[in-house]
């Protein structure tokens, strides 16, 4: 396993500074105040640096929804039952879920992937590792080998989708109980109290929130995950959906495909990817800041600053999809806007100050 991690680490792309500078020159040539599209300009330059091509093309894109069940639901940490994971995955196959409706508007495909659902669903891409994780409050969620298998599935998915022509992916998830596993990972990786990083998820009562915090504290106390060994933390406290998304971010950095961070759960997977393969953040594009308590903190640790603040917490990749129309509008300016030369006016130049 460590050998494979080293192979991935050695395969990560380094940002292409020549492509970034070419994208910067393109932005600066356009007849508008310098830097006036703010973070959107940076995102386009980040994509250019990752792909090595200033002619940014994200016209073919997909939301990859990693689906898996989490044994910790047995502790009463969710408002709905585990069966909802499979039901929502089936809705995605029929293009009926929230992310599907939004993705259709944003001209993106939706690809649900089974990393570890208890019940199989026809039409969901099969990358099944196990029938849901163990209850982390009682036993380690999975073995190191199972965690690596799910991560590898995510890496390989990026390779396959790039071969099919996809130029951008949004990381999504579907797994009842996964705000509990995500909060546990943050508490362990960042050495933070469970109560400060744990929210109500899909609308827990006070009693449900108390059970959720208890389950996280117990899991950390019993299993003693080592924050210096991210795979140990993931295997003891995490979920197969998070492991799959971790692989998406690593794969994006290997194969030069930008991967959009969705909300809190996706951001935790991005943090895990960065801890396992430092430098994987080259492929990560921030979208929004989830309403979950620790979401902003995780993004700050990643040095990723979202541009959408809408208090969203739906999951599935819905927040990430919201970024796509903004990128499309930025690229409409980047690729087709009139230049200073074309209109016969002097270009803006940096004047200093604010």
Protein backbone atom coordinates (compact mmCIF):
# COMPACT_ATOMS: atom_id res chain seq x y z
CA UNK A 1 0.00 0.00 0.00
CA UNK A 2 2.74 2.41 0.88
CA UNK A 3 4.39 1.58 -2.44
CA UNK A 4 1.22 2.58 -4.31
CA UNK A 5 0.99 5.82 -2.38
CA UNK A 6 4.56 6.57 -3.37
CA UNK A 7 3.78 5.84 -7.01
CA UNK A 8 0.89 8.29 -6.87
CA UNK A 9 3.00 10.88 -5.10
CA UNK A 10 5.68 10.63 -7.77
CA UNK A 11 3.05 10.94 -10.51
CA UNK A 12 1.44 14.17 -9.31
CA UNK A 13 1.58 17.00 -11.80
CA UNK A 14 3.41 20.18 -10.97
CA UNK A 15 1.71 23.44 -11.94
CA UNK A 16 2.78 24.60 -15.41
CA UNK A 17 3.88 28.16 -14.77
CA UNK A 18 4.22 28.95 -18.48
CA UNK A 19 0.59 28.02 -19.04
CA UNK A 20 -0.46 30.04 -16.00
CA UNK A 21 1.42 33.07 -17.26
CA UNK A 22 -0.11 32.69 -20.72
CA UNK A 23 -3.56 32.61 -19.13
CA UNK A 24 -2.66 35.69 -17.10
CA UNK A 25 -1.62 37.52 -20.29
CA UNK A 26 -4.88 36.52 -21.93
CA UNK A 27 -6.88 37.95 -19.03
CA UNK A 28 -4.79 41.13 -19.01
CA UNK A 29 -5.32 41.67 -22.75
CA UNK A 30 -9.10 41.78 -22.42
CA UNK A 31 -10.79 45.19 -22.46
CA UNK A 32 -11.75 45.37 -18.80
CA UNK A 33 -10.07 46.50 -15.57
CA UNK A 34 -7.21 44.20 -14.54
CA UNK A 35 -8.28 41.34 -12.30
CA UNK A 36 -11.86 42.57 -12.26
CA UNK A 37 -13.36 39.07 -12.39
CA UNK A 38 -11.51 38.29 -9.18
CA UNK A 39 -11.46 34.67 -8.08
CA UNK A 40 -12.93 33.52 -11.39
CA UNK A 41 -9.79 34.64 -13.16
CA UNK A 42 -7.65 32.70 -10.71
CA UNK A 43 -9.71 29.54 -11.17
CA UNK A 44 -9.22 29.69 -14.93
CA UNK A 45 -5.49 30.21 -14.45
CA UNK A 46 -5.37 27.30 -11.98
CA UNK A 47 -6.99 25.03 -14.58
CA UNK A 48 -4.52 26.19 -17.22
CA UNK A 49 -1.61 25.49 -14.88
CA UNK A 50 -2.92 22.00 -14.09
CA UNK A 51 -3.61 20.97 -17.68
CA UNK A 52 -0.62 22.78 -19.15
CA UNK A 53 -2.87 24.47 -21.71
CA UNK A 54 -4.08 28.10 -21.53
CA UNK A 55 -6.89 27.20 -23.95
CA UNK A 56 -9.12 26.01 -21.12
CA UNK A 57 -11.91 23.63 -22.17
CA UNK A 58 -14.35 22.26 -19.59
CA UNK A 59 -17.24 21.73 -21.98
CA UNK A 60 -17.50 18.03 -21.13
CA UNK A 61 -17.90 17.61 -17.39
CA UNK A 62 -19.48 15.26 -14.89
CA UNK A 63 -20.51 15.00 -11.27
CA UNK A 64 -19.06 11.79 -9.83
CA UNK A 65 -21.26 10.79 -6.90
CA UNK A 66 -19.52 8.31 -4.61
CA UNK A 67 -22.19 6.20 -2.87
CA UNK A 68 -21.62 4.12 0.26
CA UNK A 69 -23.25 3.18 3.54
CA UNK A 70 -21.86 3.88 6.99
CA UNK A 71 -22.28 1.49 9.90
CA UNK A 72 -22.29 4.32 12.44
CA UNK A 73 -25.97 4.96 11.60
CA UNK A 74 -26.67 2.20 14.13
CA UNK A 75 -25.84 4.74 16.85
CA UNK A 76 -28.83 6.93 15.98
CA UNK A 77 -26.73 9.69 14.41
CA UNK A 78 -29.05 10.29 11.45
CA UNK A 79 -32.62 11.37 10.92
CA UNK A 80 -33.24 8.85 8.13
CA UNK A 81 -32.41 5.17 7.76
CA UNK A 82 -29.59 3.58 5.83
CA UNK A 83 -31.98 2.50 3.07
CA UNK A 84 -32.08 6.10 1.82
CA UNK A 85 -28.58 5.76 0.31
CA UNK A 86 -29.77 3.17 -2.22
CA UNK A 87 -33.03 5.00 -2.88
CA UNK A 88 -31.24 8.23 -3.73
CA UNK A 89 -28.68 6.39 -5.88
CA UNK A 90 -31.61 4.92 -7.81
CA UNK A 91 -33.02 8.42 -8.27
CA UNK A 92 -29.68 9.50 -9.73
CA UNK A 93 -29.86 6.69 -12.26
CA UNK A 94 -33.27 8.07 -13.28
CA UNK A 95 -31.85 11.64 -13.24
CA UNK A 96 -34.39 12.59 -10.60
CA UNK A 97 -32.33 13.73 -7.61
CA UNK A 98 -31.45 17.33 -6.75
CA UNK A 99 -27.96 17.17 -8.21
CA UNK A 100 -29.32 15.69 -11.44
CA UNK A 101 -31.76 18.54 -11.91
CA UNK A 102 -29.06 21.09 -11.24
CA UNK A 103 -26.49 19.28 -13.38
CA UNK A 104 -28.85 19.24 -16.34
CA UNK A 105 -29.06 23.03 -16.13
CA UNK A 106 -25.26 23.22 -15.88
CA UNK A 107 -24.77 20.82 -18.82
CA UNK A 108 -23.02 18.18 -16.72
CA UNK A 109 -23.45 14.43 -16.62
CA UNK A 110 -24.10 12.65 -13.31
CA UNK A 111 -22.26 9.39 -12.64
CA UNK A 112 -23.29 7.59 -9.44
CA UNK A 113 -20.69 5.06 -8.27
CA UNK A 114 -21.19 2.25 -5.76
CA UNK A 115 -18.14 2.12 -3.48
CA UNK A 116 -19.89 0.34 -0.66
CA UNK A 117 -23.66 0.39 -0.59
CA UNK A 118 -25.46 -2.26 1.43
CA UNK A 119 -27.99 -2.71 -1.36
CA UNK A 120 -26.87 -2.78 -4.98
CA UNK A 121 -28.70 -0.58 -7.48
CA UNK A 122 -28.91 -1.35 -11.18
CA UNK A 123 -27.40 1.37 -13.34
CA UNK A 124 -24.96 2.59 -10.69
CA UNK A 125 -21.32 2.17 -11.72
CA UNK A 126 -19.91 -0.80 -9.82
CA UNK A 127 -16.74 -0.15 -7.85
CA UNK A 128 -18.06 -2.00 -4.80
CA UNK A 129 -15.54 -2.68 -2.02
CA UNK A 130 -17.75 -3.95 0.82
CA UNK A 131 -21.35 -3.88 2.01
CA UNK A 132 -21.03 -0.68 4.01
CA UNK A 133 -18.51 0.08 6.72
CA UNK A 134 -18.53 -1.20 10.28
CA UNK A 135 -19.93 0.92 13.11
CA UNK A 136 -16.89 3.05 13.89
CA UNK A 137 -18.08 3.58 17.47
CA UNK A 138 -17.59 -0.15 18.08
CA UNK A 139 -15.04 -1.37 15.52
CA UNK A 140 -12.70 0.18 12.94
CA UNK A 141 -14.80 1.26 9.97
CA UNK A 142 -12.74 -0.80 7.52
CA UNK A 143 -9.30 -2.26 6.98
CA UNK A 144 -6.42 -0.33 5.49
CA UNK A 145 -6.68 -2.59 2.44
CA UNK A 146 -10.35 -1.75 1.93
CA UNK A 147 -9.66 1.97 2.30
CA UNK A 148 -6.90 1.75 -0.30
CA UNK A 149 -9.13 -0.22 -2.66
CA UNK A 150 -11.73 2.55 -2.54
CA UNK A 151 -9.11 5.27 -3.03
CA UNK A 152 -7.66 3.36 -5.98
CA UNK A 153 -11.13 3.10 -7.50
CA UNK A 154 -11.40 6.90 -7.37
CA UNK A 155 -7.98 7.38 -8.97
CA UNK A 156 -8.82 4.93 -11.75
CA UNK A 157 -12.17 6.62 -12.36
CA UNK A 158 -10.41 9.87 -13.21
CA UNK A 159 -8.17 8.04 -15.68
CA UNK A 160 -11.17 6.38 -17.33
CA UNK A 161 -13.25 9.55 -17.49
CA UNK A 162 -10.41 11.57 -18.94
CA UNK A 163 -10.07 8.94 -21.67
CA UNK A 164 -13.78 9.48 -22.39
CA UNK A 165 -13.16 13.19 -22.91
CA UNK A 166 -14.17 14.69 -19.59
CA UNK A 167 -12.22 17.84 -18.78
CA UNK A 168 -13.62 18.63 -15.33
CA UNK A 169 -15.20 16.61 -12.52
CA UNK A 170 -17.31 17.61 -9.53
CA UNK A 171 -16.89 15.45 -6.45
CA UNK A 172 -20.22 14.34 -4.99
CA UNK A 173 -21.35 11.83 -2.39
CA UNK A 174 -24.38 9.90 -1.21
CA UNK A 175 -24.14 8.05 2.08
CA UNK A 176 -26.42 8.39 5.08
CA UNK A 177 -24.25 9.06 8.13
CA UNK A 178 -21.36 10.64 6.27
CA UNK A 179 -21.37 13.96 8.12
CA UNK A 180 -20.56 11.86 11.20
CA UNK A 181 -17.61 10.15 9.54
CA UNK A 182 -16.42 13.45 8.07
CA UNK A 183 -16.55 15.21 11.43
CA UNK A 184 -14.66 12.33 13.01
CA UNK A 185 -11.91 12.60 10.40
CA UNK A 186 -11.57 16.35 10.96
CA UNK A 187 -11.45 15.92 14.73
CA UNK A 188 -8.69 13.32 14.42
CA UNK A 189 -6.64 14.94 11.65
CA UNK A 190 -6.75 18.46 13.09
CA UNK A 191 -6.83 17.48 16.77
CA UNK A 192 -10.06 19.33 17.43
CA UNK A 193 -12.85 18.56 19.92
CA UNK A 194 -15.70 16.62 18.37
CA UNK A 195 -18.28 19.09 19.63
CA UNK A 196 -16.69 21.98 17.71
CA UNK A 197 -16.57 20.22 14.33
CA UNK A 198 -19.89 18.38 14.44
CA UNK A 199 -23.14 19.78 13.08
CA UNK A 200 -26.71 18.63 12.73
CA UNK A 201 -26.24 17.21 9.26
CA UNK A 202 -29.66 16.72 7.66
CA UNK A 203 -31.45 18.24 10.64
CA UNK A 204 -30.75 16.30 13.83
CA UNK A 205 -32.51 17.02 17.11
CA UNK A 206 -30.50 17.98 20.19
CA UNK A 207 -30.56 14.35 21.31
CA UNK A 208 -29.40 13.19 17.89
CA UNK A 209 -26.55 15.69 17.89
CA UNK A 210 -25.50 14.45 21.33
CA UNK A 211 -25.41 10.86 20.04
CA UNK A 212 -23.40 11.96 17.03
CA UNK A 213 -20.76 13.69 19.15
CA UNK A 214 -20.66 10.70 21.51
CA UNK A 215 -20.10 8.27 18.63
CA UNK A 216 -17.20 10.35 17.32
CA UNK A 217 -15.58 10.75 20.73
CA UNK A 218 -15.94 7.04 21.44
CA UNK A 219 -14.47 6.04 18.08
CA UNK A 220 -11.43 8.24 18.58
CA UNK A 221 -10.95 7.07 22.17
CA UNK A 222 -11.31 3.38 21.36
CA UNK A 223 -9.37 3.21 18.07
CA UNK A 224 -6.77 5.92 18.74
CA UNK A 225 -6.21 6.88 15.09
CA UNK A 226 -2.75 8.27 14.35
CA UNK A 227 -3.00 11.72 12.69
CA UNK A 228 0.50 11.20 11.31
CA UNK A 229 -0.84 8.20 9.38
CA UNK A 230 -3.80 9.49 7.32
CA UNK A 231 -4.65 6.02 6.04
CA UNK A 232 -4.96 4.83 9.64
CA UNK A 233 -7.40 7.66 10.37
CA UNK A 234 -9.42 7.00 7.23
CA UNK A 235 -9.68 3.26 7.79
CA UNK A 236 -10.72 3.59 11.43
CA UNK A 237 -13.12 6.53 11.19
CA UNK A 238 -13.97 7.17 7.57
CA UNK A 239 -16.36 6.01 4.90
CA UNK A 240 -15.94 4.39 1.51
CA UNK A 241 -17.61 7.40 -0.12
CA UNK A 242 -14.95 9.68 1.38
CA UNK A 243 -12.21 7.24 0.32
CA UNK A 244 -13.54 7.23 -3.24
CA UNK A 245 -13.58 11.03 -3.38
CA UNK A 246 -10.07 11.08 -1.93
CA UNK A 247 -9.05 9.05 -4.95
CA UNK A 248 -10.80 11.51 -7.29
CA UNK A 249 -8.65 14.36 -6.01
CA UNK A 250 -5.45 12.33 -6.22
CA UNK A 251 -6.41 11.12 -9.70
CA UNK A 252 -7.13 14.66 -10.80
CA UNK A 253 -3.63 15.71 -9.79
CA UNK A 254 -2.10 12.72 -11.59
CA UNK A 255 -4.05 12.95 -14.84
CA UNK A 256 -4.47 16.70 -15.08
CA UNK A 257 -8.23 16.88 -14.55
CA UNK A 258 -9.58 19.63 -12.26
CA UNK A 259 -11.88 18.29 -9.53
CA UNK A 260 -14.34 20.64 -7.83
CA UNK A 261 -14.63 20.45 -4.05
CA UNK A 262 -18.31 20.37 -3.13
CA UNK A 263 -19.23 20.81 0.53
CA UNK A 264 -17.97 19.67 3.90
CA UNK A 265 -17.71 15.94 3.15
CA UNK A 266 -15.98 16.58 -0.15
CA UNK A 267 -13.60 19.05 1.51
CA UNK A 268 -12.66 16.43 4.11
CA UNK A 269 -11.87 14.02 1.26
CA UNK A 270 -9.72 16.74 -0.31
CA UNK A 271 -7.90 17.19 3.01
CA UNK A 272 -7.33 13.43 3.18
CA UNK A 273 -5.96 13.44 -0.37
CA UNK A 274 -3.57 16.26 0.48
CA UNK A 275 -2.39 14.46 3.62
CA UNK A 276 -1.84 11.18 1.74
CA UNK A 277 -0.23 12.81 -1.33
CA UNK A 278 1.08 16.30 -0.60
CA UNK A 279 0.69 18.33 -3.77
CA UNK A 280 -2.65 16.81 -4.74
CA UNK A 281 -4.24 20.21 -4.09
CA UNK A 282 -3.04 21.30 -7.55
CA UNK A 283 -6.21 19.73 -8.98
CA UNK A 284 -8.68 21.06 -6.40
CA UNK A 285 -11.11 23.84 -7.25
CA UNK A 286 -13.15 25.32 -4.37
CA UNK A 287 -16.81 26.05 -4.97
CA UNK A 288 -18.87 26.93 -1.89
CA UNK A 289 -18.58 27.00 1.88
CA UNK A 290 -20.92 24.49 3.46
CA UNK A 291 -23.08 25.40 6.43
CA UNK A 292 -21.47 22.59 8.47
CA UNK A 293 -19.45 23.97 11.44
CA UNK A 294 -15.98 22.84 10.34
CA UNK A 295 -16.34 23.46 6.60
CA UNK A 296 -14.59 26.84 6.53
CA UNK A 297 -11.78 25.58 8.77
CA UNK A 298 -11.05 22.62 6.48
CA UNK A 299 -10.95 24.84 3.39
CA UNK A 300 -8.60 27.25 5.15
CA UNK A 301 -6.25 24.37 6.02
CA UNK A 302 -6.28 23.47 2.32
CA UNK A 303 -5.64 27.11 1.38
CA UNK A 304 -8.73 26.99 -0.82
CA UNK A 305 -11.12 29.91 -0.69
CA UNK A 306 -14.69 29.36 -1.92
CA UNK A 307 -16.51 31.94 -3.98
CA UNK A 308 -20.08 30.89 -3.12
CA UNK A 309 -21.54 31.51 0.34
CA UNK A 310 -25.12 30.28 0.31
CA UNK A 311 -25.40 28.28 3.55
CA UNK A 312 -25.87 25.10 1.52
CA UNK A 313 -25.66 21.60 3.03
CA UNK A 314 -27.51 19.36 0.60
CA UNK A 315 -24.56 17.27 -0.56
CA UNK A 316 -24.59 15.06 -3.68
CA UNK A 317 -22.30 17.56 -5.42
CA UNK A 318 -24.96 20.28 -5.62
CA UNK A 319 -22.72 23.08 -4.37
CA UNK A 320 -19.97 22.09 -6.78
CA UNK A 321 -22.40 22.16 -9.69
CA UNK A 322 -23.23 25.78 -8.81
CA UNK A 323 -19.67 26.72 -9.73
CA UNK A 324 -20.02 25.50 -13.33
CA UNK A 325 -22.16 28.36 -14.72
CA UNK A 326 -19.81 30.86 -13.11
CA UNK A 327 -16.83 29.19 -14.80
CA UNK A 328 -18.73 29.17 -18.10
CA UNK A 329 -19.36 32.89 -17.84
CA UNK A 330 -15.73 33.55 -16.97
CA UNK A 331 -14.57 31.49 -19.94
CA UNK A 332 -16.99 33.35 -22.23
CA UNK A 333 -15.05 36.51 -21.38
CA UNK A 334 -11.67 34.78 -21.37
CA UNK A 335 -12.12 33.24 -24.81
CA UNK A 336 -14.19 35.76 -26.70
CA UNK A 337 -14.10 39.20 -25.13
CA UNK A 338 -12.82 42.16 -27.14
CA UNK A 339 -9.19 43.05 -26.45
CA UNK A 340 -7.72 46.48 -25.81
CA UNK A 341 -5.95 46.33 -29.19
CA UNK A 342 -9.18 45.53 -31.02
CA UNK A 343 -11.00 48.56 -29.65
CA UNK A 344 -8.00 50.86 -30.01
CA UNK A 345 -7.59 51.93 -26.40
CA UNK A 346 -4.60 51.76 -24.14
CA UNK A 347 -4.44 48.71 -21.92
CA UNK A 348 -4.83 49.02 -18.18
CA UNK A 349 -1.55 48.80 -16.30
CA UNK A 350 -0.93 48.08 -12.62
CA UNK A 351 -0.89 51.38 -10.72
CA UNK A 352 -0.16 50.11 -7.21
CA UNK A 353 -2.21 50.80 -4.14
CA UNK A 354 -5.67 49.35 -3.59
